Amino acid sequence: MLILIWGAGLVDAAIEYGSTYQSEATIWAVRASPALSVTDPEDPNIALIQTAASQQTEVLKQLLQTRSFLVDVVGRTSLKAAFDSAANQDRYIDDIRKRFRVETLGTSLIRVSFLSHDPKTPPELVNAALAVRAERIEQARQLSSAALSLLYQRQLEFAQKQAADAQKGLDDFNASHMAPLSEADQHVQTQLRLAVDFAVVRLSDLRGRQEQAQLAPALLEVSGVEFQIVDAPRVDATPSGGERSAITIAAVALAAGAGLGTLLVMVATLLGVRRPVAAPAERVKAGQSPDGAAARNGSRDAHGPALPADGHRRAEATSSTGR
């Protein structure tokens, strides 16, 4: 039985190793320039400790945990018909998720791979995942840009009102104070002009930020500096990538066989210990001595010497009767 279990496990491991195909893509990731960044550099939600590669890796890993992302990815490949006809689509999506692998190769390199028993499927899944990821990132960037633009618009309106009020205050002061001005009036006039200049500078800065928020997503999308595919996925004619699953199958089979063998040895040992103890108990229940053979031999020895004495008494009784 152990040979059967181990043999079946090793055969399954060999089949898994020989029928698994892997396709991978290598991506060069860099952090975007602050001039093209839509987010606020003082935002506490930004993880500045992460490298560009680790940051993009975490983004892709988190996207792969969502069902909608994987459904969109599968819908762009030849697996769409199989997914639509699957009896349990959630299990199908879980199996697709387990076959993806995202690794960080350095501070700027990422590797995305997919395992399948069909050599044509992995490149499709990897390309679809990268395409859907780009679209999701672009959608998120557009939404963030729209929200930031709305915020800048509100701040711009407030700054325009402040600039208008400052200019009106300066105009009213100039209208009510004719030259030559006293030293105190000159000091007040200078403060009013500084307030107007500050309001105008703030207004100009907000207009620049608003334009940047509107242009940055488009510039990042056109340039593609954040996420560049260095090595595109390709169809691999030779099996690869099945080492880990094959080792897992073989290890499980060996562990199961070893566990079964240990269990059989323990059961045999337990039965071997209980049999000699159970036999004397059965003899006691039957009314026999626990050491039956020794008792029988002892009775024979006890009655054996009495036979000649009985025969001698019978002989004496016969002789006396004959007399």
C-alpha atoms as a PDB file:
ATOM      1  CA  MET A   1       0.000   0.000   0.000  1.00  0.00           C
ATOM      2  CA  LEU A   2       2.866   2.358   0.775  1.00  0.00           C
ATOM      3  CA  ILE A   3       4.402   1.671  -2.605  1.00  0.00           C
ATOM      4  CA  LEU A   4       1.048   2.396  -4.244  1.00  0.00           C
ATOM      5  CA  ILE A   5       0.646   5.743  -2.447  1.00  0.00           C
ATOM      6  CA  TRP A   6       4.205   6.852  -3.044  1.00  0.00           C
ATOM      7  CA  GLY A   7       4.146   5.701  -6.635  1.00  0.00           C
ATOM      8  CA  ALA A   8       0.893   7.500  -7.396  1.00  0.00           C
ATOM      9  CA  GLY A   9       2.197  10.705  -5.795  1.00  0.00           C
ATOM     10  CA  LEU A  10       5.453  10.627  -7.721  1.00  0.00           C
ATOM     11  CA  VAL A  11       3.601   9.934 -10.974  1.00  0.00           C
ATOM     12  CA  ASP A  12       1.249  12.864 -10.352  1.00  0.00           C
ATOM     13  CA  ALA A  13       4.230  15.090  -9.543  1.00  0.00           C
ATOM     14  CA  ALA A  14       5.960  14.073 -12.775  1.00  0.00           C
ATOM     15  CA  ILE A  15       2.779  14.745 -14.776  1.00  0.00           C
ATOM     16  CA  GLU A  16       2.353  18.143 -13.117  1.00  0.00           C
ATOM     17  CA  TYR A  17       5.962  19.053 -13.848  1.00  0.00           C
ATOM     18  CA  GLY A  18       5.783  17.938 -17.474  1.00  0.00           C
ATOM     19  CA  SER A  19       2.427  19.563 -18.306  1.00  0.00           C
ATOM     20  CA  THR A  20       2.843  23.019 -16.718  1.00  0.00           C
ATOM     21  CA  TYR A  21       3.721  26.043 -18.838  1.00  0.00           C
ATOM     22  CA  GLN A  22       4.689  29.480 -17.600  1.00  0.00           C
ATOM     23  CA  SER A  23       4.816  32.863 -19.261  1.00  0.00           C
ATOM     24  CA  GLU A  24       6.195  35.959 -17.600  1.00  0.00           C
ATOM     25  CA  ALA A  25       6.646  39.664 -18.226  1.00  0.00           C
ATOM     26  CA  THR A  26       9.376  41.887 -16.823  1.00  0.00           C
ATOM     27  CA  ILE A  27       8.408  45.484 -16.066  1.00  0.00           C
ATOM     28  CA  TRP A  28      10.569  48.503 -15.325  1.00  0.00           C
ATOM     29  CA  ALA A  29       8.893  50.701 -12.716  1.00  0.00           C
ATOM     30  CA  VAL A  30      10.013  54.192 -11.722  1.00  0.00           C
ATOM     31  CA  ARG A  31       8.487  56.782  -9.439  1.00  0.00           C
ATOM     32  CA  ALA A  32       6.843  59.638 -11.306  1.00  0.00           C
ATOM     33  CA  SER A  33       8.287  63.103 -11.074  1.00  0.00           C
ATOM     34  CA  PRO A  34       6.670  65.304  -8.420  1.00  0.00           C
ATOM     35  CA  ALA A  35       5.820  67.746 -11.216  1.00  0.00           C
ATOM     36  CA  LEU A  36       3.572  65.062 -12.776  1.00  0.00           C
ATOM     37  CA  SER A  37       2.155  63.832  -9.496  1.00  0.00           C
ATOM     38  CA  VAL A  38      -1.513  64.475  -8.868  1.00  0.00           C
ATOM     39  CA  THR A  39      -1.366  63.740  -5.150  1.00  0.00           C
ATOM     40  CA  ASP A  40      -0.300  66.100  -2.455  1.00  0.00           C
ATOM     41  CA  PRO A  41       3.295  65.364  -1.320  1.00  0.00           C
ATOM     42  CA  GLU A  42       2.230  66.084   2.267  1.00  0.00           C
ATOM     43  CA  ASP A  43      -0.495  63.416   2.147  1.00  0.00           C
ATOM     44  CA  PRO A  44       0.135  60.976   5.082  1.00  0.00           C
ATOM     45  CA  ASN A  45      -1.304  58.081   3.062  1.00  0.00           C
ATOM     46  CA  ILE A  46       1.675  58.065   0.699  1.00  0.00           C
ATOM     47  CA  ALA A  47       4.260  55.409   1.603  1.00  0.00           C
ATOM     48  CA  LEU A  48       7.559  57.119   0.833  1.00  0.00           C
ATOM     49  CA  ILE A  49       9.631  54.263   2.262  1.00  0.00           C
ATOM     50  CA  GLN A  50       8.624  51.856  -0.515  1.00  0.00           C
ATOM     51  CA  THR A  51      10.640  51.610  -3.699  1.00  0.00           C
ATOM     52  CA  ALA A  52       8.966  52.097  -7.064  1.00  0.00           C
ATOM     53  CA  ALA A  53       9.007  48.347  -7.765  1.00  0.00           C
ATOM     54  CA  SER A  54       7.589  47.338  -4.390  1.00  0.00           C
ATOM     55  CA  GLN A  55       4.887  49.979  -4.659  1.00  0.00           C
ATOM     56  CA  GLN A  56       3.758  48.804  -8.105  1.00  0.00           C
ATOM     57  CA  THR A  57       3.976  45.174  -6.981  1.00  0.00           C
ATOM     58  CA  GLU A  58       1.666  45.827  -4.047  1.00  0.00           C
ATOM     59  CA  VAL A  59      -0.788  47.625  -6.311  1.00  0.00           C
ATOM     60  CA  LEU A  60      -0.964  44.685  -8.714  1.00  0.00           C
ATOM     61  CA  LYS A  61      -1.212  42.127  -5.901  1.00  0.00           C
ATOM     62  CA  GLN A  62      -4.095  44.000  -4.343  1.00  0.00           C
ATOM     63  CA  LEU A  63      -5.872  44.228  -7.690  1.00  0.00           C
ATOM     64  CA  LEU A  64      -5.514  40.455  -8.133  1.00  0.00           C
ATOM     65  CA  GLN A  65      -7.350  39.960  -4.837  1.00  0.00           C
ATOM     66  CA  THR A  66     -10.498  41.563  -6.241  1.00  0.00           C
ATOM     67  CA  ARG A  67     -13.064  39.508  -8.138  1.00  0.00           C
ATOM     68  CA  SER A  68     -14.056  42.261 -10.561  1.00  0.00           C
ATOM     69  CA  PHE A  69     -10.465  42.695 -11.722  1.00  0.00           C
ATOM     70  CA  LEU A  70     -10.018  38.982 -12.448  1.00  0.00           C
ATOM     71  CA  VAL A  71     -13.404  38.740 -14.163  1.00  0.00           C
ATOM     72  CA  ASP A  72     -12.377  41.616 -16.419  1.00  0.00           C
ATOM     73  CA  VAL A  73      -9.024  39.914 -17.104  1.00  0.00           C
ATOM     74  CA  VAL A  74     -10.591  36.533 -17.937  1.00  0.00           C
ATOM     75  CA  GLY A  75     -13.184  38.246 -20.138  1.00  0.00           C
ATOM     76  CA  ARG A  76     -10.404  39.465 -22.448  1.00  0.00           C
ATOM     77  CA  THR A  77      -8.890  36.036 -23.038  1.00  0.00           C
ATOM     78  CA  SER A  78      -9.874  32.714 -24.596  1.00  0.00           C
ATOM     79  CA  LEU A  79     -11.010  31.519 -21.141  1.00  0.00           C
ATOM     80  CA  LYS A  80     -14.158  33.665 -21.264  1.00  0.00           C
ATOM     81  CA  ALA A  81     -16.336  30.837 -22.650  1.00  0.00           C
ATOM     82  CA  ALA A  82     -15.058  28.379 -20.032  1.00  0.00           C
ATOM     83  CA  PHE A  83     -15.670  30.914 -17.276  1.00  0.00           C
ATOM     84  CA  ASP A  84     -19.211  31.674 -18.466  1.00  0.00           C
ATOM     85  CA  SER A  85     -20.075  27.951 -18.562  1.00  0.00           C
ATOM     86  CA  ALA A  86     -18.381  27.107 -15.228  1.00  0.00           C
ATOM     87  CA  ALA A  87     -20.700  25.621 -12.609  1.00  0.00           C
ATOM     88  CA  ASN A  88     -18.861  27.452  -9.806  1.00  0.00           C
ATOM     89  CA  GLN A  89     -17.449  30.723 -11.108  1.00  0.00           C
ATOM     90  CA  ASP A  90     -16.037  31.756  -7.746  1.00  0.00           C
ATOM     91  CA  ARG A  91     -13.904  28.608  -7.599  1.00  0.00           C
ATOM     92  CA  TYR A  92     -12.812  29.223 -11.187  1.00  0.00           C
ATOM     93  CA  ILE A  93     -11.705  32.767 -10.292  1.00  0.00           C
ATOM     94  CA  ASP A  94      -9.870  31.482  -7.191  1.00  0.00           C
ATOM     95  CA  ASP A  95      -7.967  28.996  -9.346  1.00  0.00           C
ATOM     96  CA  ILE A  96      -6.970  31.789 -11.749  1.00  0.00           C
ATOM     97  CA  ARG A  97      -5.834  33.927  -8.807  1.00  0.00           C
ATOM     98  CA  LYS A  98      -3.616  31.147  -7.423  1.00  0.00           C
ATOM     99  CA  ARG A  99      -1.832  30.783 -10.772  1.00  0.00           C
ATOM    100  CA  PHE A 100      -0.708  34.418 -10.861  1.00  0.00           C
ATOM    101  CA  ARG A 101       2.610  35.342  -9.308  1.00  0.00           C
ATOM    102  CA  VAL A 102       3.984  38.869  -8.831  1.00  0.00           C
ATOM    103  CA  GLU A 103       7.584  39.286  -7.681  1.00  0.00           C
ATOM    104  CA  THR A 104       9.950  42.182  -7.033  1.00  0.00           C
ATOM    105  CA  LEU A 105      13.327  41.649  -8.680  1.00  0.00           C
ATOM    106  CA  GLY A 106      14.948  44.856  -7.509  1.00  0.00           C
ATOM    107  CA  THR A 107      14.250  48.473  -6.741  1.00  0.00           C
ATOM    108  CA  SER A 108      12.781  49.037 -10.209  1.00  0.00           C
ATOM    109  CA  LEU A 109      12.096  45.576 -11.724  1.00  0.00           C
ATOM    110  CA  ILE A 110       8.897  43.543 -11.430  1.00  0.00           C
ATOM    111  CA  ARG A 111       8.073  40.101 -12.795  1.00  0.00           C
ATOM    112  CA  VAL A 112       4.491  38.989 -13.447  1.00  0.00           C
ATOM    113  CA  SER A 113       3.930  35.325 -14.375  1.00  0.00           C
ATOM    114  CA  PHE A 114       1.064  32.891 -14.872  1.00  0.00           C
ATOM    115  CA  LEU A 115       0.987  29.073 -14.816  1.00  0.00           C
ATOM    116  CA  SER A 116      -1.285  26.886 -16.938  1.00  0.00           C
ATOM    117  CA  HIS A 117      -1.456  23.480 -18.596  1.00  0.00           C
ATOM    118  CA  ASP A 118      -2.058  25.173 -21.969  1.00  0.00           C
ATOM    119  CA  PRO A 119       1.032  26.937 -23.364  1.00  0.00           C
ATOM    120  CA  LYS A 120      -1.081  29.597 -25.122  1.00  0.00           C
ATOM    121  CA  THR A 121      -3.042  30.688 -22.041  1.00  0.00           C
ATOM    122  CA  PRO A 122      -0.311  32.273 -19.825  1.00  0.00           C
ATOM    123  CA  PRO A 123       0.665  35.069 -22.278  1.00  0.00           C
ATOM    124  CA  GLU A 124      -3.003  35.968 -22.715  1.00  0.00           C
ATOM    125  CA  LEU A 125      -3.606  36.222 -18.978  1.00  0.00           C
ATOM    126  CA  VAL A 126      -0.443  38.243 -18.301  1.00  0.00           C
ATOM    127  CA  ASN A 127      -1.153  40.727 -21.119  1.00  0.00           C
ATOM    128  CA  ALA A 128      -4.785  41.065 -20.054  1.00  0.00           C
ATOM    129  CA  ALA A 129      -3.803  41.632 -16.412  1.00  0.00           C
ATOM    130  CA  LEU A 130      -1.335  44.368 -17.359  1.00  0.00           C
ATOM    131  CA  ALA A 131      -3.871  46.024 -19.662  1.00  0.00           C
ATOM    132  CA  VAL A 132      -6.652  45.985 -17.075  1.00  0.00           C
ATOM    133  CA  ARG A 133      -4.228  47.232 -14.436  1.00  0.00           C
ATOM    134  CA  ALA A 134      -3.280  50.192 -16.668  1.00  0.00           C
ATOM    135  CA  GLU A 135      -6.943  51.030 -17.222  1.00  0.00           C
ATOM    136  CA  ARG A 136      -7.784  50.811 -13.510  1.00  0.00           C
ATOM    137  CA  ILE A 137      -4.818  53.004 -12.590  1.00  0.00           C
ATOM    138  CA  GLU A 138      -5.810  55.526 -15.248  1.00  0.00           C
ATOM    139  CA  GLN A 139      -9.408  55.583 -14.025  1.00  0.00           C
ATOM    140  CA  ALA A 140      -8.257  56.112 -10.444  1.00  0.00           C
ATOM    141  CA  ARG A 141      -5.908  58.863 -11.596  1.00  0.00           C
ATOM    142  CA  GLN A 142      -8.689  60.590 -13.526  1.00  0.00           C
ATOM    143  CA  LEU A 143     -11.021  60.445 -10.536  1.00  0.00           C
ATOM    144  CA  SER A 144      -8.311  61.800  -8.259  1.00  0.00           C
ATOM    145  CA  SER A 145      -7.545  64.538 -10.754  1.00  0.00           C
ATOM    146  CA  ALA A 146     -11.215  65.497 -10.983  1.00  0.00           C
ATOM    147  CA  ALA A 147     -11.555  65.643  -7.202  1.00  0.00           C
ATOM    148  CA  LEU A 148      -8.368  67.688  -6.883  1.00  0.00           C
ATOM    149  CA  SER A 149      -9.450  70.027  -9.659  1.00  0.00           C
ATOM    150  CA  LEU A 150     -12.761  70.598  -7.881  1.00  0.00           C
ATOM    151  CA  LEU A 151     -10.897  71.392  -4.682  1.00  0.00           C
ATOM    152  CA  TYR A 152      -8.635  73.851  -6.498  1.00  0.00           C
ATOM    153  CA  GLN A 153     -11.681  75.421  -8.123  1.00  0.00           C
ATOM    154  CA  ARG A 154     -13.240  76.090  -4.731  1.00  0.00           C
ATOM    155  CA  GLN A 155      -9.956  77.516  -3.431  1.00  0.00           C
ATOM    156  CA  LEU A 156      -9.615  79.599  -6.587  1.00  0.00           C
ATOM    157  CA  GLU A 157     -13.028  81.132  -6.127  1.00  0.00           C
ATOM    158  CA  PHE A 158     -12.194  81.998  -2.546  1.00  0.00           C
ATOM    159  CA  ALA A 159      -8.822  83.465  -3.583  1.00  0.00           C
ATOM    160  CA  GLN A 160     -10.496  85.558  -6.293  1.00  0.00           C
ATOM    161  CA  LYS A 161     -12.866  86.986  -3.714  1.00  0.00           C
ATOM    162  CA  GLN A 162      -9.946  87.765  -1.402  1.00  0.00           C
ATOM    163  CA  ALA A 163      -8.053  89.467  -4.255  1.00  0.00           C
ATOM    164  CA  ALA A 164     -11.100  91.497  -5.209  1.00  0.00           C
ATOM    165  CA  ASP A 165     -11.630  92.588  -1.613  1.00  0.00           C
ATOM    166  CA  ALA A 166      -7.970  93.551  -1.247  1.00  0.00           C
ATOM    167  CA  GLN A 167      -8.049  95.586  -4.477  1.00  0.00           C
ATOM    168  CA  LYS A 168     -11.283  97.309  -3.436  1.00  0.00           C
ATOM    169  CA  GLY A 169      -9.751  98.202  -0.091  1.00  0.00           C
ATOM    170  CA  LEU A 170      -6.737  99.742  -1.839  1.00  0.00           C
ATOM    171  CA  ASP A 171      -8.931 101.649  -4.308  1.00  0.00           C
ATOM    172  CA  ASP A 172     -11.132 103.005  -1.527  1.00  0.00           C
ATOM    173  CA  PHE A 173      -8.080 104.165   0.417  1.00  0.00           C
ATOM    174  CA  ASN A 174      -6.595 105.912  -2.624  1.00  0.00           C
ATOM    175  CA  ALA A 175      -9.914 107.606  -3.323  1.00  0.00           C
ATOM    176  CA  SER A 176     -10.258 108.899   0.204  1.00  0.00           C
ATOM    177  CA  HIS A 177      -6.660 110.041   0.702  1.00  0.00           C
ATOM    178  CA  MET A 178      -5.161 112.562  -1.654  1.00  0.00           C
ATOM    179  CA  ALA A 179      -1.467 113.261  -2.062  1.00  0.00           C
ATOM    180  CA  PRO A 180       0.664 114.152  -0.349  1.00  0.00           C
ATOM    181  CA  LEU A 181       0.166 111.360   2.168  1.00  0.00           C
ATOM    182  CA  SER A 182       1.364 111.443   5.694  1.00  0.00           C
ATOM    183  CA  GLU A 183       3.817 108.871   6.987  1.00  0.00           C
ATOM    184  CA  ALA A 184       1.045 106.911   8.699  1.00  0.00           C
ATOM    185  CA  ASP A 185      -1.110 106.935   5.539  1.00  0.00           C
ATOM    186  CA  GLN A 186       1.849 105.761   3.448  1.00  0.00           C
ATOM    187  CA  HIS A 187       2.352 102.872   5.848  1.00  0.00           C
ATOM    188  CA  VAL A 188      -1.328 101.863   5.535  1.00  0.00           C
ATOM    189  CA  GLN A 189      -1.176 102.177   1.751  1.00  0.00           C
ATOM    190  CA  THR A 190       1.891  99.924   1.654  1.00  0.00           C
ATOM    191  CA  GLN A 191       0.123  97.265   3.709  1.00  0.00           C
ATOM    192  CA  LEU A 192      -2.889  97.360   1.404  1.00  0.00           C
ATOM    193  CA  ARG A 193      -0.684  96.977  -1.667  1.00  0.00           C
ATOM    194  CA  LEU A 194       1.092  94.017  -0.052  1.00  0.00           C
ATOM    195  CA  ALA A 195      -2.268  92.378   0.639  1.00  0.00           C
ATOM    196  CA  VAL A 196      -3.247  92.854  -3.020  1.00  0.00           C
ATOM    197  CA  ASP A 197       0.073  91.439  -4.241  1.00  0.00           C
ATOM    198  CA  PHE A 198      -0.231  88.424  -1.900  1.00  0.00           C
ATOM    199  CA  ALA A 199      -3.784  87.727  -3.109  1.00  0.00           C
ATOM    200  CA  VAL A 200      -2.719  87.954  -6.748  1.00  0.00           C
ATOM    201  CA  VAL A 201       0.252  85.582  -6.208  1.00  0.00           C
ATOM    202  CA  ARG A 202      -1.941  83.080  -4.390  1.00  0.00           C
ATOM    203  CA  LEU A 203      -4.503  83.295  -7.163  1.00  0.00           C
ATOM    204  CA  SER A 204      -1.849  82.637  -9.797  1.00  0.00           C
ATOM    205  CA  ASP A 205      -0.462  79.669  -7.806  1.00  0.00           C
ATOM    206  CA  LEU A 206      -3.881  78.060  -7.494  1.00  0.00           C
ATOM    207  CA  ARG A 207      -4.495  78.457 -11.227  1.00  0.00           C
ATOM    208  CA  GLY A 208      -1.193  76.719 -11.950  1.00  0.00           C
ATOM    209  CA  ARG A 209      -2.045  73.836  -9.608  1.00  0.00           C
ATOM    210  CA  GLN A 210      -5.437  73.444 -11.217  1.00  0.00           C
ATOM    211  CA  GLU A 211      -3.903  73.222 -14.688  1.00  0.00           C
ATOM    212  CA  GLN A 212      -1.313  70.748 -13.421  1.00  0.00           C
ATOM    213  CA  ALA A 213      -4.017  68.532 -11.936  1.00  0.00           C
ATOM    214  CA  GLN A 214      -5.790  68.490 -15.277  1.00  0.00           C
ATOM    215  CA  LEU A 215      -2.711  67.853 -17.425  1.00  0.00           C
ATOM    216  CA  ALA A 216      -0.725  65.416 -15.240  1.00  0.00           C
ATOM    217  CA  PRO A 217      -2.848  62.275 -15.889  1.00  0.00           C
ATOM    218  CA  ALA A 218      -2.722  62.835 -19.636  1.00  0.00           C
ATOM    219  CA  LEU A 219       1.044  63.393 -19.587  1.00  0.00           C
ATOM    220  CA  LEU A 220       1.647  60.265 -17.504  1.00  0.00           C
ATOM    221  CA  GLU A 221      -0.532  58.206 -19.812  1.00  0.00           C
ATOM    222  CA  VAL A 222       1.289  59.418 -22.920  1.00  0.00           C
ATOM    223  CA  SER A 223       4.807  59.128 -21.503  1.00  0.00           C
ATOM    224  CA  GLY A 224       4.360  55.806 -19.702  1.00  0.00           C
ATOM    225  CA  VAL A 225       7.331  56.522 -17.445  1.00  0.00           C
ATOM    226  CA  GLU A 226       5.885  54.754 -14.409  1.00  0.00           C
ATOM    227  CA  PHE A 227       5.287  51.287 -15.888  1.00  0.00           C
ATOM    228  CA  GLN A 228       7.307  50.095 -18.871  1.00  0.00           C
ATOM    229  CA  ILE A 229       7.199  46.484 -20.114  1.00  0.00           C
ATOM    230  CA  VAL A 230      10.796  45.478 -20.769  1.00  0.00           C
ATOM    231  CA  ASP A 231      10.218  41.810 -21.687  1.00  0.00           C
ATOM    232  CA  ALA A 232       6.763  41.016 -23.037  1.00  0.00           C
ATOM    233  CA  PRO A 233       5.211  37.610 -22.244  1.00  0.00           C
ATOM    234  CA  ARG A 234       5.608  34.945 -24.915  1.00  0.00           C
ATOM    235  CA  VAL A 235       4.444  31.411 -25.609  1.00  0.00           C
ATOM    236  CA  ASP A 236       6.845  28.879 -24.118  1.00  0.00           C
ATOM    237  CA  ALA A 237       7.047  25.604 -26.042  1.00  0.00           C
ATOM    238  CA  THR A 238       8.813  23.715 -23.252  1.00  0.00           C
ATOM    239  CA  PRO A 239       7.251  23.019 -19.844  1.00  0.00           C
ATOM    240  CA  SER A 240       8.422  25.325 -17.083  1.00  0.00           C
ATOM    241  CA  GLY A 241       7.284  26.718 -13.801  1.00  0.00           C
ATOM    242  CA  GLY A 242       5.826  23.487 -12.411  1.00  0.00           C
ATOM    243  CA  GLU A 243       8.640  22.710 -10.013  1.00  0.00           C
ATOM    244  CA  ARG A 244       6.928  24.125  -6.939  1.00  0.00           C
ATOM    245  CA  SER A 245       3.600  22.363  -7.465  1.00  0.00           C
ATOM    246  CA  ALA A 246       5.337  19.090  -8.375  1.00  0.00           C
ATOM    247  CA  ILE A 247       7.451  19.214  -5.225  1.00  0.00           C
ATOM    248  CA  THR A 248       4.334  19.932  -3.185  1.00  0.00           C
ATOM    249  CA  ILE A 249       2.485  16.933  -4.626  1.00  0.00           C
ATOM    250  CA  ALA A 250       5.458  14.617  -4.075  1.00  0.00           C
ATOM    251  CA  ALA A 251       5.954  15.868  -0.514  1.00  0.00           C
ATOM    252  CA  VAL A 252       2.285  15.341   0.322  1.00  0.00           C
ATOM    253  CA  ALA A 253       2.378  11.805  -1.080  1.00  0.00           C
ATOM    254  CA  LEU A 254       5.542  10.919   0.843  1.00  0.00           C
ATOM    255  CA  ALA A 255       4.146  12.406   4.044  1.00  0.00           C
ATOM    256  CA  ALA A 256       0.859  10.515   3.613  1.00  0.00           C
ATOM    257  CA  GLY A 257       2.694   7.248   2.996  1.00  0.00           C
ATOM    258  CA  ALA A 258       4.980   7.775   5.975  1.00  0.00           C
ATOM    259  CA  GLY A 259       2.000   8.594   8.175  1.00  0.00           C
ATOM    260  CA  LEU A 260       0.109   5.511   7.045  1.00  0.00           C
ATOM    261  CA  GLY A 261       3.152   3.317   7.627  1.00  0.00           C
ATOM    262  CA  THR A 262       3.600   4.698  11.130  1.00  0.00           C
ATOM    263  CA  LEU A 263      -0.074   4.077  11.878  1.00  0.00           C
ATOM    264  CA  LEU A 264       0.120   0.474  10.679  1.00  0.00           C
ATOM    265  CA  VAL A 265       3.207  -0.188  12.797  1.00  0.00           C
ATOM    266  CA  MET A 266       1.506   1.249  15.878  1.00  0.00           C
ATOM    267  CA  VAL A 267      -1.641  -0.837  15.308  1.00  0.00           C
ATOM    268  CA  ALA A 268       0.375  -4.038  14.801  1.00  0.00           C
ATOM    269  CA  THR A 269       2.417  -3.354  17.926  1.00  0.00           C
ATOM    270  CA  LEU A 270      -0.716  -2.712  19.967  1.00  0.00           C
ATOM    271  CA  LEU A 271      -2.379  -5.926  18.783  1.00  0.00           C
ATOM    272  CA  GLY A 272       0.783  -7.921  19.481  1.00  0.00           C
ATOM    273  CA  VAL A 273       0.867  -6.685  23.080  1.00  0.00           C
ATOM    274  CA  ARG A 274      -2.809  -7.347  23.792  1.00  0.00           C
ATOM    275  CA  ARG A 275      -2.966 -10.963  22.483  1.00  0.00           C
ATOM    276  CA  PRO A 276      -0.740 -12.628  25.179  1.00  0.00           C
ATOM    277  CA  VAL A 277      -2.601 -10.724  27.901  1.00  0.00           C
ATOM    278  CA  ALA A 278      -6.021 -11.727  26.584  1.00  0.00           C
ATOM    279  CA  ALA A 279      -5.257 -15.526  26.411  1.00  0.00           C
ATOM    280  CA  PRO A 280      -4.797 -16.133  30.224  1.00  0.00           C
ATOM    281  CA  ALA A 281      -7.925 -14.127  30.925  1.00  0.00           C
ATOM    282  CA  GLU A 282      -9.964 -16.383  28.650  1.00  0.00           C
ATOM    283  CA  ARG A 283      -8.655 -19.501  30.462  1.00  0.00           C
ATOM    284  CA  VAL A 284      -9.633 -18.086  33.838  1.00  0.00           C
ATOM    285  CA  LYS A 285     -13.166 -17.462  32.568  1.00  0.00           C
ATOM    286  CA  ALA A 286     -13.337 -21.110  31.369  1.00  0.00           C
ATOM    287  CA  GLY A 287     -12.451 -22.392  34.909  1.00  0.00           C
ATOM    288  CA  GLN A 288      -8.939 -23.425  34.071  1.00  0.00           C
ATOM    289  CA  SER A 289      -5.696 -22.457  35.684  1.00  0.00           C
ATOM    290  CA  PRO A 290      -3.872 -19.622  33.938  1.00  0.00           C
ATOM    291  CA  ASP A 291      -0.869 -21.957  33.468  1.00  0.00           C
ATOM    292  CA  GLY A 292      -2.999 -24.895  32.217  1.00  0.00           C
ATOM    293  CA  ALA A 293      -0.210 -26.923  30.806  1.00  0.00           C
ATOM    294  CA  ALA A 294       1.852 -26.719  33.990  1.00  0.00           C
ATOM    295  CA  ALA A 295      -1.200 -27.616  36.141  1.00  0.00           C
ATOM    296  CA  ARG A 296      -1.963 -30.660  34.079  1.00  0.00           C
ATOM    297  CA  ASN A 297       1.615 -31.855  34.295  1.00  0.00           C
ATOM    298  CA  GLY A 298       1.627 -31.296  38.044  1.00  0.00           C
ATOM    299  CA  SER A 299      -1.568 -33.360  38.544  1.00  0.00           C
ATOM    300  CA  ARG A 300      -0.082 -36.168  36.632  1.00  0.00           C
ATOM    301  CA  ASP A 301       2.980 -36.131  38.842  1.00  0.00           C
ATOM    302  CA  ALA A 302       0.802 -36.019  41.967  1.00  0.00           C
ATOM    303  CA  HIS A 303      -1.407 -38.961  41.006  1.00  0.00           C
ATOM    304  CA  GLY A 304       1.304 -41.044  39.369  1.00  0.00           C
ATOM    305  CA  PRO A 305       3.013 -42.401  42.544  1.00  0.00           C
ATOM    306  CA  ALA A 306      -0.371 -43.333  44.150  1.00  0.00           C
ATOM    307  CA  LEU A 307      -1.176 -45.950  41.515  1.00  0.00           C
ATOM    308  CA  PRO A 308       1.314 -48.611  42.735  1.00  0.00           C
ATOM    309  CA  ALA A 309       0.086 -48.228  46.312  1.00  0.00           C
ATOM    310  CA  ASP A 310      -3.520 -48.834  45.314  1.00  0.00           C
ATOM    311  CA  GLY A 311      -2.516 -51.859  43.276  1.00  0.00           C
ATOM    312  CA  HIS A 312      -0.642 -53.307  46.271  1.00  0.00           C
ATOM    313  CA  ARG A 313      -3.687 -52.892  48.574  1.00  0.00           C
ATOM    314  CA  ARG A 314      -5.938 -54.639  46.031  1.00  0.00           C
ATOM    315  CA  ALA A 315      -3.470 -57.528  45.828  1.00  0.00           C
ATOM    316  CA  GLU A 316      -3.408 -57.945  49.610  1.00  0.00           C
ATOM    317  CA  ALA A 317      -7.212 -57.936  49.797  1.00  0.00           C
ATOM    318  CA  THR A 318      -7.459 -60.657  47.161  1.00  0.00           C
ATOM    319  CA  SER A 319      -4.913 -62.858  48.911  1.00  0.00           C
ATOM    320  CA  SER A 320      -6.701 -62.539  52.258  1.00  0.00           C
ATOM    321  CA  THR A 321     -10.002 -63.486  50.679  1.00  0.00           C
ATOM    322  CA  GLY A 322      -8.471 -66.482  49.021  1.00  0.00           C
ATOM    323  CA  ARG A 323      -7.258 -67.713  52.353  1.00  0.00           C
END
